[in-house]
Protein backbone atom coordinates (compact mmCIF):
# COMPACT_ATOMS: atom_id res chain seq x y z
CA MET A 1 32.27 -18.76 -2.02
CA ILE A 2 29.38 -15.68 -2.22
CA THR A 3 27.05 -16.55 -5.11
CA VAL A 4 24.35 -14.81 -6.86
CA ARG A 5 22.03 -16.96 -4.79
CA LYS A 6 23.56 -15.99 -1.75
CA ILE A 7 23.33 -12.13 -2.74
CA TYR A 8 19.86 -11.87 -3.96
CA LEU A 9 19.12 -13.87 -0.26
CA LEU A 10 21.20 -11.07 1.36
CA THR A 11 19.63 -8.10 -0.33
CA VAL A 12 16.14 -9.75 0.60
CA ALA A 13 16.77 -9.67 3.58
CA SER A 14 18.31 -5.89 4.76
CA ILE A 15 15.41 -4.06 2.51
CA LEU A 16 13.01 -6.48 5.23
CA LEU A 17 15.55 -5.51 7.91
CA LEU A 18 15.21 -2.12 6.97
CA ALA A 19 11.57 -2.24 6.55
CA ASN A 20 11.14 -3.48 10.21
CA VAL A 21 13.17 -0.42 12.04
CA SER A 22 10.88 1.86 9.76
CA VAL A 23 7.73 0.21 10.97
CA GLN A 24 8.86 0.24 14.33
CA GLU A 25 10.05 3.69 14.38
CA VAL A 26 7.43 4.91 12.08
CA ASN A 27 6.67 7.96 14.69
CA ALA A 28 10.09 9.29 14.41
CA GLN A 29 10.90 8.61 11.24
CA LYS A 30 9.62 8.94 7.28
CA PHE A 31 10.20 5.40 4.92
CA THR A 32 10.63 5.32 1.39
CA LEU A 33 10.36 3.78 -1.58
CA SER A 34 12.32 5.21 -4.57
CA ASN A 35 12.46 4.00 -8.48
CA ASN A 36 15.30 4.73 -10.43
CA LEU A 37 14.14 5.69 -14.28
CA LEU A 38 17.17 5.90 -15.72
CA TYR A 39 18.63 2.53 -13.97
CA ASP A 40 14.91 1.12 -15.48
CA ALA A 41 15.92 2.07 -19.20
CA THR A 42 18.88 -0.73 -19.05
CA LEU A 43 15.76 -3.26 -18.52
CA THR A 44 17.12 -3.45 -14.97
CA PRO A 45 14.34 -3.47 -12.06
CA ASN A 46 15.25 -1.57 -8.84
CA LEU A 47 14.12 -0.23 -5.97
CA ARG A 48 15.38 1.39 -2.98
CA MET A 49 14.17 2.04 0.39
CA GLY A 50 15.31 4.75 2.97
CA VAL A 51 14.67 6.38 6.09
CA ARG A 52 14.72 9.29 7.19
CA LEU A 53 17.49 9.49 10.96
CA SER A 54 16.83 12.91 11.61
CA GLU A 55 15.99 15.58 9.91
CA GLN A 56 19.37 16.09 7.42
CA TRP A 57 20.16 12.37 8.08
CA SER A 58 18.83 9.40 6.19
CA LEU A 59 19.82 6.18 5.72
CA GLY A 60 19.48 3.64 2.09
CA LEU A 61 19.74 0.68 0.06
CA THR A 62 19.58 0.50 -3.14
CA ALA A 63 19.19 -3.30 -5.14
CA GLY A 64 18.99 -3.88 -8.64
CA TYR A 65 19.09 -6.68 -11.07
CA HIS A 66 19.11 -7.64 -14.65
CA PRO A 67 19.52 -11.64 -14.97
CA TRP A 68 18.14 -11.95 -18.53
CA PRO A 69 19.43 -13.21 -20.78
CA THR A 70 19.06 -16.40 -18.90
CA ASP A 71 21.02 -18.75 -22.19
CA GLU A 72 24.37 -19.06 -21.72
CA SER A 73 25.01 -19.17 -25.41
CA VAL A 74 23.50 -15.56 -26.22
CA SER A 75 26.43 -13.03 -26.86
CA LYS A 76 25.35 -9.85 -24.82
CA LYS A 77 24.31 -10.08 -21.76
CA PHE A 78 24.62 -7.12 -19.33
CA LYS A 79 23.49 -9.72 -16.16
CA HIS A 80 24.99 -8.21 -12.40
CA LEU A 81 23.44 -7.56 -9.14
CA LEU A 82 24.20 -4.47 -7.53
CA LEU A 83 23.37 -3.50 -3.32
CA ALA A 84 24.17 -0.21 -2.98
CA PRO A 85 23.35 1.12 0.56
CA ASP A 86 24.19 4.93 0.75
CA VAL A 87 23.67 7.93 3.89
CA ARG A 88 22.50 11.39 2.64
CA TYR A 89 23.07 14.67 4.30
CA TRP A 90 20.13 17.45 3.97
CA ILE A 91 20.74 20.75 3.40
CA ASP A 92 17.78 22.08 4.27
CA SER A 93 15.90 21.09 7.43
CA VAL A 94 12.59 23.10 6.10
CA ASN A 95 12.14 22.60 2.49
CA VAL A 96 14.37 19.10 1.89
CA HIS A 97 15.39 19.61 -0.87
CA HIS A 98 19.29 19.69 -1.29
CA PHE A 99 20.83 16.60 -0.29
CA PHE A 100 24.79 14.99 -0.39
CA GLY A 101 25.18 11.51 -0.65
CA PHE A 102 28.08 8.56 0.30
CA ASN A 103 27.72 5.18 -0.78
CA LEU A 104 28.96 1.88 -0.93
CA ILE A 105 28.44 -0.45 -3.81
CA TYR A 106 29.33 -3.81 -4.32
CA SER A 107 28.15 -5.76 -7.85
CA HIS A 108 28.69 -9.64 -9.40
CA TYR A 109 28.45 -9.23 -12.89
CA ASN A 110 28.85 -11.12 -16.36
CA ILE A 111 28.85 -8.49 -19.33
CA ALA A 112 29.81 -8.87 -22.69
CA GLU A 113 29.36 -7.43 -26.23
CA VAL A 114 27.70 -4.16 -24.28
CA LYS A 115 28.68 -0.79 -25.91
CA PHE A 116 28.69 1.60 -22.83
CA PRO A 117 28.39 5.64 -23.76
CA PHE A 118 31.09 8.35 -23.70
CA GLY A 119 33.35 5.64 -24.74
CA LEU A 120 33.77 3.57 -21.22
CA TRP A 121 35.28 0.07 -20.53
CA LYS A 122 35.71 -0.67 -24.80
CA SER A 123 37.42 -4.28 -23.88
CA LEU A 124 33.78 -5.26 -23.02
CA ARG A 125 31.94 -4.95 -26.64
CA ASP A 126 34.60 -7.52 -27.52
CA GLU A 127 35.28 -9.78 -25.23
CA ARG A 128 33.22 -11.50 -21.91
CA HIS A 129 33.82 -10.32 -18.31
CA GLN A 130 32.56 -12.10 -14.79
CA GLY A 131 33.89 -11.03 -10.99
CA ASP A 132 32.97 -8.46 -8.87
CA LEU A 133 33.32 -4.88 -7.69
CA GLY A 134 33.57 -2.81 -4.83
CA ALA A 135 33.39 0.32 -5.11
CA ILE A 136 32.74 3.96 -2.71
CA GLY A 137 30.76 7.28 -4.35
CA ALA A 138 29.47 10.78 -3.59
CA TYR A 139 26.57 12.00 -5.23
CA TYR A 140 24.61 15.37 -5.33
CA GLY A 141 21.06 15.52 -6.02
CA TYR A 142 17.12 17.66 -5.37
CA SER A 143 14.09 16.68 -4.54
CA TRP A 144 11.20 18.05 -5.84
CA PRO A 145 7.40 18.11 -3.59
CA LEU A 146 4.71 16.48 -5.90
CA GLY A 147 2.18 15.91 -3.50
CA ARG A 148 1.96 14.77 0.18
CA TYR A 149 2.94 10.97 -0.92
CA TRP A 150 5.83 11.65 -4.43
CA ASN A 151 9.16 13.09 -4.49
CA LEU A 152 10.99 13.33 -7.65
CA GLU A 153 14.97 13.13 -7.29
CA ALA A 154 17.57 13.19 -9.27
CA HIS A 155 21.07 12.59 -8.69
CA ILE A 156 24.76 12.71 -10.26
CA GLY A 157 28.53 12.17 -9.22
CA ALA A 158 30.88 9.30 -9.16
CA ALA A 159 32.70 6.62 -7.91
CA ILE A 160 36.19 4.54 -7.31
CA GLY A 161 36.39 1.43 -6.79
CA TYR A 162 38.33 -2.19 -7.00
CA THR A 163 37.15 -5.15 -9.82
CA LYS A 164 39.05 -8.66 -10.31
CA TYR A 165 37.43 -10.57 -13.35
CA ASP A 166 37.87 -13.34 -15.94
CA ARG A 167 38.80 -12.29 -19.34
CA TYR A 168 36.13 -14.56 -21.85
CA GLU A 169 37.04 -14.58 -25.86
CA CYS A 170 32.99 -13.45 -26.54
CA GLY A 171 30.08 -13.24 -24.73
CA HIS A 172 28.60 -17.08 -25.30
CA CYS A 173 32.62 -19.20 -25.90
CA GLY A 174 34.38 -20.60 -23.07
CA ARG A 175 37.65 -20.12 -23.90
CA LYS A 176 39.12 -17.68 -20.61
CA LEU A 177 41.43 -15.35 -21.73
CA GLY A 178 42.99 -14.81 -18.27
CA ASP A 179 42.03 -12.67 -15.74
CA GLU A 180 42.04 -8.92 -14.41
CA LYS A 181 42.47 -6.56 -11.30
CA LYS A 182 41.78 -3.02 -11.39
CA VAL A 183 41.00 0.12 -10.19
CA ILE A 184 37.70 1.53 -12.03
CA PHE A 185 35.79 5.13 -12.30
CA LEU A 186 32.31 4.61 -12.14
CA PRO A 187 29.79 7.41 -13.11
CA GLN A 188 26.35 8.11 -11.19
CA ALA A 189 23.24 9.37 -12.03
CA GLY A 190 19.22 8.49 -11.67
CA VAL A 191 15.94 9.81 -11.67
CA SER A 192 13.76 8.77 -8.88
CA ILE A 193 9.99 8.05 -8.79
CA VAL A 194 9.78 8.57 -4.83
CA TYR A 195 7.07 7.28 -2.57
CA ASN A 196 7.12 8.41 1.18
CA ILE A 197 5.17 6.35 3.81
CA PRO A 198 3.93 7.09 6.18
CA GLY A 199 0.93 9.07 4.96
CA ARG A 200 -0.43 11.76 7.65
CA PRO A 201 -0.82 11.53 10.89
CA ARG A 202 -3.54 11.57 12.93
CA LYS A 203 -5.15 14.36 14.10
CA VAL A 204 -4.87 15.33 18.17
CA GLU A 205 -8.36 14.92 19.65
CA GLY A 206 -9.27 17.55 22.39
CA PRO A 207 -7.87 20.92 23.18
CA GLU A 208 -4.33 19.52 23.61
CA VAL A 209 -1.36 22.05 23.69
CA LEU A 210 0.86 21.32 20.96
CA PRO A 211 4.24 20.84 21.39
CA THR A 212 7.03 22.52 20.40
CA VAL A 213 9.86 20.70 17.85
CA ASP A 214 12.60 18.92 19.54
CA GLU A 215 14.97 20.27 17.70
CA PRO A 216 14.83 23.78 16.67
CA MET A 217 16.00 25.07 13.67
CA THR A 218 17.85 28.15 14.85
CA ALA A 219 18.85 28.76 18.25
CA ALA A 220 17.81 26.92 21.14
CA VAL A 221 14.37 28.86 22.08
CA ASP A 222 12.22 28.08 25.76
CA VAL A 223 9.33 26.19 25.22
CA LEU A 224 6.50 28.02 25.88
CA PRO A 225 3.12 27.10 26.12
CA PHE A 226 0.60 27.36 23.18
CA VAL A 227 -2.38 26.47 21.20
CA PRO A 228 -2.84 27.95 18.64
CA ALA A 229 -5.88 29.73 16.87
CA LEU A 230 -5.88 27.81 13.42
CA SER A 231 -9.14 28.01 10.77
CA PRO A 232 -10.03 26.64 7.04
CA VAL A 233 -9.47 29.48 4.79
CA PRO A 234 -12.38 29.44 2.85
CA GLU A 235 -11.37 28.43 -0.75
CA PHE A 236 -11.50 31.42 -3.35
CA LYS A 237 -14.44 31.93 -6.58
CA GLY A 238 -13.48 34.73 -8.27
CA ARG A 239 -15.55 37.99 -8.22
CA ALA A 240 -18.47 35.64 -9.13
CA GLY A 241 -18.46 33.69 -6.03
CA GLN A 242 -17.61 37.85 -4.16
CA LEU A 243 -21.57 38.51 -6.53
CA GLN A 244 -23.42 35.71 -4.95
CA GLN A 245 -23.23 36.27 -1.63
CA ASP A 246 -25.64 39.29 -2.36
CA ASN A 247 -27.10 38.19 -5.87
CA ALA A 248 -29.01 35.03 -5.11
CA VAL A 249 -29.37 35.16 -9.04
CA VAL A 250 -25.61 33.92 -9.39
CA ALA A 251 -25.02 30.26 -9.15
CA HIS A 252 -22.11 28.02 -9.70
CA ILE A 253 -22.07 25.78 -12.66
CA SER A 254 -22.46 22.26 -10.78
CA GLU A 255 -25.87 23.89 -9.27
CA TYR A 256 -27.51 24.40 -13.51
CA ARG A 257 -30.23 21.92 -13.75
CA PRO A 258 -32.56 21.74 -17.61
CA TYR A 259 -35.77 23.51 -17.67
CA ASP A 260 -38.95 21.23 -17.21
CA ARG A 261 -42.68 22.54 -17.44
CA THR A 262 -42.91 20.89 -13.68
CA ARG A 263 -41.14 23.49 -12.17
CA ILE A 264 -42.40 26.45 -10.11
CA LEU A 265 -40.18 28.88 -11.36
CA ARG A 266 -42.52 31.38 -9.39
CA LYS A 267 -40.96 29.64 -5.68
CA GLU A 268 -37.43 29.30 -7.02
CA LYS A 269 -36.78 33.00 -5.44
CA ASP A 270 -32.96 32.93 -6.86
CA ALA A 271 -34.01 34.18 -10.23
CA LEU A 272 -34.79 37.46 -11.21
CA PHE A 273 -37.96 38.02 -13.57
CA VAL A 274 -38.38 41.15 -17.02
CA HIS A 275 -42.10 41.78 -17.58
CA PHE A 276 -44.17 42.34 -21.45
CA ASP A 277 -47.26 43.17 -21.53
CA LEU A 278 -49.69 41.36 -22.56
CA GLY A 279 -49.18 39.22 -25.99
CA LYS A 280 -46.02 40.98 -26.76
CA SER A 281 -42.72 40.04 -27.34
CA ILE A 282 -41.00 43.17 -27.60
CA LEU A 283 -39.00 43.64 -24.17
CA SER A 284 -39.33 47.28 -22.92
CA THR A 285 -37.08 48.95 -20.25
CA ASP A 286 -40.33 51.13 -18.86
CA TYR A 287 -42.62 48.38 -18.11
CA ARG A 288 -43.07 47.74 -14.68
CA ASP A 289 -38.51 47.03 -12.95
CA ASN A 290 -37.79 46.17 -16.09
CA ARG A 291 -35.01 49.00 -16.11
CA ALA A 292 -33.30 47.79 -12.88
CA THR A 293 -33.53 44.62 -13.58
CA LEU A 294 -32.11 44.84 -16.93
CA ASP A 295 -29.07 46.72 -15.74
CA ARG A 296 -28.66 44.58 -12.57
CA ILE A 297 -27.99 41.15 -14.73
CA VAL A 298 -26.11 43.71 -17.29
CA GLU A 299 -23.93 44.28 -14.63
CA ILE A 300 -23.38 40.98 -13.11
CA THR A 301 -22.36 39.98 -16.68
CA ARG A 302 -20.07 42.33 -17.32
CA GLN A 303 -17.70 41.87 -14.37
CA ILE A 304 -17.69 38.08 -14.41
CA MET A 305 -16.83 38.08 -18.33
CA THR A 306 -14.00 40.55 -17.17
CA ASP A 307 -12.75 38.39 -13.89
CA SER A 308 -9.08 36.58 -14.95
CA THR A 309 -10.16 34.16 -11.53
CA SER A 310 -14.39 33.48 -12.59
CA SER A 311 -16.00 32.98 -15.57
CA VAL A 312 -19.35 32.88 -17.02
CA LYS A 313 -20.34 29.10 -17.80
CA LYS A 314 -24.45 29.52 -18.68
CA ILE A 315 -27.12 31.95 -18.99
CA GLN A 316 -30.64 30.60 -18.33
CA LEU A 317 -33.25 32.13 -20.02
CA ILE A 318 -36.68 30.74 -20.10
CA GLY A 319 -39.55 32.37 -21.61
CA LEU A 320 -42.94 32.25 -20.54
CA ALA A 321 -46.86 33.12 -21.22
CA SER A 322 -50.12 32.81 -19.40
CA PHE A 323 -52.82 30.31 -20.93
CA GLU A 324 -55.20 33.31 -22.80
CA GLY A 325 -55.37 31.84 -26.30
CA ASN A 326 -54.23 29.37 -29.18
CA PRO A 327 -51.44 27.38 -26.98
CA ALA A 328 -49.66 27.50 -29.74
CA THR A 329 -49.35 30.58 -30.01
CA ASN A 330 -47.92 31.11 -26.72
CA GLU A 331 -45.57 28.44 -27.60
CA ARG A 332 -43.79 30.81 -30.26
CA LEU A 333 -44.91 34.24 -27.65
CA ALA A 334 -42.72 32.35 -24.88
CA LEU A 335 -39.91 31.66 -26.87
CA ASN A 336 -39.61 34.79 -27.90
CA ARG A 337 -39.78 36.53 -25.34
CA ALA A 338 -36.36 34.28 -24.05
CA LEU A 339 -35.22 35.27 -27.55
CA ALA A 340 -35.79 39.11 -27.13
CA LEU A 341 -33.96 39.22 -23.61
CA GLN A 342 -31.15 37.45 -25.07
CA ARG A 343 -30.89 39.77 -28.10
CA TYR A 344 -30.85 42.47 -25.54
CA LEU A 345 -27.78 41.20 -23.39
CA GLN A 346 -25.67 40.48 -26.17
CA GLN A 347 -26.27 44.29 -27.48
CA GLU A 348 -25.60 44.99 -23.80
CA VAL A 349 -22.47 42.99 -23.69
CA SER A 350 -20.67 40.49 -25.77
CA VAL A 351 -21.39 37.00 -24.74
CA PRO A 352 -21.59 34.38 -26.72
CA ASP A 353 -24.90 32.48 -28.40
CA SER A 354 -23.01 29.14 -26.84
CA LEU A 355 -22.87 30.82 -23.29
CA PHE A 356 -27.17 30.74 -23.32
CA ASP A 357 -29.35 28.14 -23.02
CA THR A 358 -32.67 29.95 -24.35
CA VAL A 359 -35.98 28.19 -23.88
CA GLY A 360 -39.47 28.59 -24.82
CA GLY A 361 -41.45 27.60 -21.47
CA GLY A 362 -44.99 27.56 -23.40
CA GLU A 363 -47.51 28.55 -20.93
CA ALA A 364 -47.00 28.63 -17.45
CA TRP A 365 -49.30 25.76 -15.42
CA ALA A 366 -47.30 25.08 -13.21
CA ASP A 367 -46.06 28.44 -11.66
CA PHE A 368 -50.52 29.16 -12.40
CA ARG A 369 -51.57 25.77 -10.87
CA ASP A 370 -49.47 26.85 -7.66
CA GLN A 371 -50.12 30.05 -7.45
CA LEU A 372 -53.83 29.33 -7.11
CA ASN A 373 -53.12 26.71 -4.30
CA ASP A 374 -51.64 29.01 -2.56
CA ILE A 375 -54.37 31.43 -2.54
CA VAL A 376 -56.68 28.71 -1.32
CA GLN A 377 -54.68 27.59 1.61
CA GLU A 378 -54.44 31.54 2.91
CA GLY A 379 -58.03 31.63 2.61
CA LYS A 380 -58.21 34.69 -0.11
CA ALA A 381 -60.66 35.22 -2.91
CA ASN A 382 -63.39 32.53 -1.17
CA HIS A 383 -65.84 34.40 -2.64
CA VAL A 384 -64.92 32.47 -6.49
CA ASP A 385 -63.80 28.77 -6.49
CA LEU A 386 -60.29 28.69 -6.80
CA ALA A 387 -60.46 24.85 -5.92
CA LYS A 388 -62.63 24.26 -8.83
CA VAL A 389 -59.99 25.38 -11.14
CA ILE A 390 -57.23 23.20 -10.00
CA GLU A 391 -59.05 20.23 -10.66
CA ILE A 392 -59.31 21.02 -13.60
CA ILE A 393 -56.39 21.75 -14.11
CA ASP A 394 -55.35 18.00 -12.71
CA GLN A 395 -57.97 16.23 -14.72
CA GLU A 396 -58.41 17.82 -17.87
CA GLN A 397 -55.14 16.80 -20.19
CA ASP A 398 -56.08 19.06 -23.40
CA ALA A 399 -55.54 22.68 -23.00
CA VAL A 400 -57.82 24.25 -25.43
CA VAL A 401 -60.58 22.11 -23.29
CA ARG A 402 -59.14 23.11 -20.42
CA GLU A 403 -59.23 27.24 -20.20
CA ARG A 404 -62.35 27.08 -21.78
CA ARG A 405 -63.38 24.62 -18.62
CA ILE A 406 -62.35 27.69 -16.47
CA LYS A 407 -63.50 30.27 -18.27
CA GLN A 408 -66.75 29.03 -17.98
CA LEU A 409 -66.61 28.91 -14.06
CA ASP A 410 -69.68 29.89 -11.94
CA LYS A 411 -70.55 32.14 -15.78
CA GLY A 412 -67.44 33.89 -16.11
CA ARG A 413 -66.53 35.57 -12.89
CA THR A 414 -63.78 33.34 -11.90
CA TRP A 415 -62.52 33.64 -15.09
CA ALA A 416 -62.81 37.63 -14.52
CA TYR A 417 -60.59 37.37 -10.89
CA ILE A 418 -58.02 35.40 -12.61
CA LYS A 419 -57.77 37.47 -15.67
CA GLU A 420 -56.94 40.84 -12.93
CA HIS A 421 -55.61 39.33 -9.74
CA ILE A 422 -53.27 36.10 -11.08
CA LEU A 423 -52.53 36.77 -14.51
CA LYS A 424 -50.76 39.67 -14.86
CA ASP A 425 -47.83 37.76 -13.10
CA GLN A 426 -47.80 34.81 -15.78
CA ARG A 427 -47.08 37.24 -18.64
CA ASN A 428 -43.21 37.47 -18.37
CA SER A 429 -39.59 36.29 -19.89
CA GLY A 430 -39.88 33.87 -17.33
CA TYR A 431 -36.32 32.57 -15.29
CA ILE A 432 -32.67 33.97 -15.64
CA ARG A 433 -29.50 32.46 -13.93
CA ILE A 434 -26.30 33.11 -14.58
CA TYR A 435 -23.75 30.21 -13.80
CA TYR A 436 -20.43 30.72 -13.41
CA ASP A 437 -17.30 29.27 -12.73
CA TYR A 438 -14.19 29.83 -10.93
CA VAL A 439 -10.20 28.91 -11.58
CA PRO A 440 -9.39 26.55 -8.77
CA ASP A 441 -7.88 28.12 -5.57
CA LYS A 442 -4.68 26.16 -5.30
CA ALA A 443 -3.70 28.45 -2.36
CA ALA A 444 -6.63 28.12 -0.24
CA ALA A 445 -6.22 24.75 -0.59
CA THR A 446 -1.87 24.10 0.07
CA ILE A 447 -2.94 26.42 3.66
CA ASN A 448 -5.85 23.71 4.60
CA GLU A 449 -3.80 21.03 3.99
CA ALA A 450 -0.90 22.70 6.37
CA ASN A 451 -3.31 23.65 8.67
CA GLU A 452 -4.09 20.09 9.07
CA LEU A 453 -0.78 19.07 10.26
CA LEU A 454 -0.04 21.68 12.30
CA THR A 455 -3.09 20.38 14.25
CA THR A 456 -0.73 16.82 14.78
CA ASP A 457 1.39 16.50 17.60
CA CYS A 458 4.54 15.22 14.44
CA SER A 459 7.64 17.56 14.89
CA ASP A 460 8.05 16.06 11.29
CA CYS A 461 4.68 17.24 9.81
CA HIS A 462 4.87 20.95 11.73
CA HIS A 463 7.97 21.58 9.36
CA GLU A 464 6.72 19.84 6.34
CA ALA A 465 3.43 22.38 6.54
CA LEU A 466 6.71 25.24 6.94
CA ARG A 467 7.46 24.26 3.65
CA LEU A 468 3.49 23.60 2.44
CA LEU A 469 3.35 27.47 3.88
CA LEU A 470 6.64 28.62 2.55
CA THR A 471 5.41 28.16 -1.32
CA VAL A 472 2.30 30.45 -0.12
CA ARG A 473 4.28 33.18 1.94
CA ASN A 474 2.93 36.41 -0.39
CA ASP A 475 -0.59 35.47 0.45
CA GLU A 476 -2.29 37.28 3.13
CA ARG A 477 -4.80 34.51 4.16
CA ALA A 478 -1.28 31.51 4.74
CA GLN A 479 0.08 34.57 7.55
CA ASN A 480 -1.34 33.30 10.41
CA ALA A 481 -1.16 29.53 9.61
CA LEU A 482 2.28 29.86 8.53
CA GLY A 483 3.93 32.49 11.75
CA VAL A 484 2.23 28.57 13.65
CA ALA A 485 4.89 26.53 11.44
CA TYR A 486 7.45 28.84 12.30
CA TRP A 487 6.51 28.98 16.09
CA LEU A 488 6.10 25.11 16.49
CA CYS A 489 9.77 25.06 14.43
CA GLY A 490 11.60 26.84 16.66
CA GLN A 491 11.79 30.61 14.79
CA ARG A 492 10.16 32.72 17.22
CA ASN A 493 11.20 36.02 15.01
CA ASP A 494 9.34 34.15 12.35
CA ALA A 495 6.64 33.48 14.04
CA LEU A 496 5.94 36.98 15.56
CA ASP A 497 6.58 39.23 12.54
CA CYS A 498 3.70 36.91 10.63
CA PHE A 499 1.32 36.99 13.29
CA ARG A 500 1.51 41.00 13.59
CA ARG A 501 1.32 41.48 9.88
CA ALA A 502 -1.77 39.29 9.68
CA ALA A 503 -3.18 40.31 13.26
CA ALA A 504 -3.05 44.23 11.46
CA ASN A 505 -5.09 42.94 9.08
CA GLY A 506 -7.40 42.08 11.15
CA ASN A 507 -7.14 38.29 11.00
CA ALA A 508 -9.26 37.21 14.74
CA ASN A 509 -6.54 34.26 15.25
CA ALA A 510 -3.72 35.55 14.50
CA GLN A 511 -4.53 38.41 17.23
CA ASP A 512 -5.57 35.64 19.93
CA ASN A 513 -1.91 33.39 19.09
CA LEU A 514 -0.02 37.35 19.26
CA ARG A 515 -1.58 37.94 22.67
CA GLN A 516 -0.65 34.16 23.66
CA LEU A 517 3.02 34.68 22.34
CA GLU A 518 3.60 38.45 23.91
CA ALA A 519 2.15 37.73 27.41
CA ALA A 520 4.48 35.11 27.86
CA GLN A 521 7.94 37.24 27.02
CA PRO A 522 9.87 37.87 30.00
């Protein structure tokens, strides 16, 4: 007699055997684990193991086990064990989406007082049936790739079978009413989450020639030696990324850092400066080179603000002042200069306050000291003791005393040199930088993932690469990789069309690939 325990052990053994076959032939087969979420809704743990036997055929085994309730005195029961081996035929060997399945079903069950949907098996609402079922079924399904390892599958179908069972008066009663045999109709449905094993295979090392697919998807073609030329596709960072190439003042938001007074802004060549007259916070477009700088900032900001693929995340304005005069006055002056620049930009471009990081940097001592040090290192201005000025800056913490001591050096001659040759560059609004972010370039990520698959010696991976590239087939950047994928999957004419299209657009890799293949034509 076959008991539930024996059937359960048989299920485990079958699953282990299937797993062993798939592991031994992992280079030729694709191994999957899946769980039917609709079956889970009946509180039945279940698992399907599948193995791809070829491009269009796969084999699987589904097992489900519902052991509750363990107390036989409980009326309502849905205890059962289900085993269902199946074979699937995949219609589209490139996209691997549509499939038809055929399965055998065996179940040992003990069910009572369960109300099934659609009026099925009404007698089970008042009786307990315990027995065995065998059936054969067919179904149609569809698979949606969710990533390199995950799929979502749905299927629907029906089965017809034969069952033999004992009838009992109620869920917990022992009085037997009789036994029956009948033909039974079973609906089939499922929504499953699928995990694909193995992951992406290793890359081929060295200048190995990649083979063509052993089983071409179209008419058979001659195998020609082909070393495909492939290059990674740079991520498109929107209009802001393009502007960054010629405008160092533009940076990605990941480079942003708040201002602190130890930073030497004059050495940060990626910034722009707008200058102010001595003791003034009024922004004049006619002062020094302010007009060109402001026009450049306004135009860059406007272009990013109107772009749908990138956005301004922060505009950093750091107001500075020279150390002449009262420190408190200079603090206010520095902040007012930064605010004046913010107001100007907002008049020219509609930028909300929230995008500005506007700070007063106060007296520009860090920049001043760095400029003095450069002059000393270069051996300039030897007629004044600038090294002594650096010493005073490093030793004296009080800004007022520090300024007074500098002015007294060499009876004022050092101070006169500083005012004439250095301080004019400290009278500015300071550091101006635009930080941006961009919409992730999913197409580039897809193309680069496919490129990696195309550099393997796995024909199944070539088909996976083709599936990925077909999702971005309208992107010109995909054409060379798409041509490689078509060629490795045996579709010569499609490959040549893609290479010609990419080559006409100046793709050097496509031009190289086209030369190889056209030279090999008879």
